[in-house]
C-alpha atoms as a PDB file:
ATOM      1  CA  MET A   1       0.590  15.800  -7.984  1.00  0.00           C
ATOM      2  CA  ASN A   2      -3.104  16.601  -7.540  1.00  0.00           C
ATOM      3  CA  ASN A   3      -2.973  15.429  -3.961  1.00  0.00           C
ATOM      4  CA  LEU A   4       0.037  17.619  -3.180  1.00  0.00           C
ATOM      5  CA  ASP A   5      -1.654  20.668  -4.727  1.00  0.00           C
ATOM      6  CA  GLY A   6      -4.734  20.206  -2.547  1.00  0.00           C
ATOM      7  CA  ASN A   7      -6.937  18.855  -5.348  1.00  0.00           C
ATOM      8  CA  LYS A   8      -8.758  15.546  -5.170  1.00  0.00           C
ATOM      9  CA  GLY A   9      -6.915  12.847  -7.030  1.00  0.00           C
ATOM     10  CA  ASN A  10      -7.682   9.398  -8.321  1.00  0.00           C
ATOM     11  CA  PRO A  11      -7.891   7.067  -5.292  1.00  0.00           C
ATOM     12  CA  ILE A  12      -7.747   3.858  -7.341  1.00  0.00           C
ATOM     13  CA  GLN A  13      -3.964   3.674  -7.787  1.00  0.00           C
ATOM     14  CA  PRO A  14      -3.027   3.983  -4.090  1.00  0.00           C
ATOM     15  CA  LEU A  15      -5.845   1.578  -3.167  1.00  0.00           C
ATOM     16  CA  VAL A  16      -4.561  -1.033  -5.612  1.00  0.00           C
ATOM     17  CA  ALA A  17      -0.970  -0.492  -4.425  1.00  0.00           C
ATOM     18  CA  MET A  18      -2.097  -1.022  -0.820  1.00  0.00           C
ATOM     19  CA  ILE A  19      -3.966  -4.218  -1.749  1.00  0.00           C
ATOM     20  CA  ASN A  20      -0.923  -5.450  -3.677  1.00  0.00           C
ATOM     21  CA  CYS A  21       1.294  -4.916  -0.617  1.00  0.00           C
ATOM     22  CA  ILE A  22      -1.233  -6.727   1.572  1.00  0.00           C
ATOM     23  CA  PHE A  23      -1.160  -9.738  -0.769  1.00  0.00           C
ATOM     24  CA  TRP A  24       2.640  -9.773  -0.805  1.00  0.00           C
ATOM     25  CA  VAL A  25       2.764  -9.717   2.999  1.00  0.00           C
ATOM     26  CA  ILE A  26       0.219 -12.543   3.183  1.00  0.00           C
ATOM     27  CA  TYR A  27       2.222 -14.535   0.633  1.00  0.00           C
ATOM     28  CA  ALA A  28       5.500 -14.015   2.508  1.00  0.00           C
ATOM     29  CA  THR A  29       3.988 -14.976   5.873  1.00  0.00           C
ATOM     30  CA  MET A  30       2.324 -18.112   4.497  1.00  0.00           C
ATOM     31  CA  GLN A  31       5.606 -19.601   3.299  1.00  0.00           C
ATOM     32  CA  LYS A  32       7.057 -22.502   5.237  1.00  0.00           C
ATOM     33  CA  LYS A  33      10.176 -20.382   5.804  1.00  0.00           C
ATOM     34  CA  LYS A  34       9.026 -16.777   6.307  1.00  0.00           C
ATOM     35  CA  ASP A  35      10.382 -14.352   3.725  1.00  0.00           C
ATOM     36  CA  TYR A  36      11.177 -11.404   5.973  1.00  0.00           C
ATOM     37  CA  PRO A  37      12.665  -9.061   3.329  1.00  0.00           C
ATOM     38  CA  ILE A  38       9.370  -9.137   1.394  1.00  0.00           C
ATOM     39  CA  ILE A  39       7.403  -8.531   4.591  1.00  0.00           C
ATOM     40  CA  VAL A  40       9.600  -5.619   5.670  1.00  0.00           C
ATOM     41  CA  ALA A  41       9.578  -4.065   2.197  1.00  0.00           C
ATOM     42  CA  ASN A  42       5.774  -4.169   1.879  1.00  0.00           C
ATOM     43  CA  ILE A  43       4.598  -3.158   5.367  1.00  0.00           C
ATOM     44  CA  PRO A  44       5.328   0.543   4.713  1.00  0.00           C
ATOM     45  CA  GLY A  45       3.475   0.253   1.401  1.00  0.00           C
ATOM     46  CA  ILE A  46       0.317  -0.785   3.229  1.00  0.00           C
ATOM     47  CA  PHE A  47       0.372   2.249   5.497  1.00  0.00           C
ATOM     48  CA  LEU A  48       1.530   4.725   2.845  1.00  0.00           C
ATOM     49  CA  GLY A  49      -1.034   3.421   0.361  1.00  0.00           C
ATOM     50  CA  ALA A  50      -3.791   3.766   2.957  1.00  0.00           C
ATOM     51  CA  ILE A  51      -2.738   7.314   3.847  1.00  0.00           C
ATOM     52  CA  THR A  52      -2.576   8.321   0.190  1.00  0.00           C
ATOM     53  CA  PHE A  53      -5.926   6.680  -0.528  1.00  0.00           C
ATOM     54  CA  PHE A  54      -7.708   8.449   2.295  1.00  0.00           C
ATOM     55  CA  THR A  55      -6.162  11.824   1.498  1.00  0.00           C
ATOM     56  CA  ALA A  56      -7.104  11.422  -2.183  1.00  0.00           C
ATOM     57  CA  ILE A  57     -10.796  10.960  -1.385  1.00  0.00           C
ATOM     58  CA  ILE A  58     -11.034  13.754   1.185  1.00  0.00           C
END
C-alpha cells in the first residue's frame, strides 16, 4: 500500500519473492523433463518482483 500511495516501502519482500521465482525457474529447467507450468507461472513473478523492488527503493 505504501508503494501505491507514493511512499517508500519495504523492498525486502518483493526482492525475496523475485529470488524465489528465479530459484523455481532454475529448478524447473534443470529437471530431466522440463516442468513448463512451473516455468510459465514464475516468469511473471521475476519481472513483477523486480519492478516492485525498484519502485519501492526509489
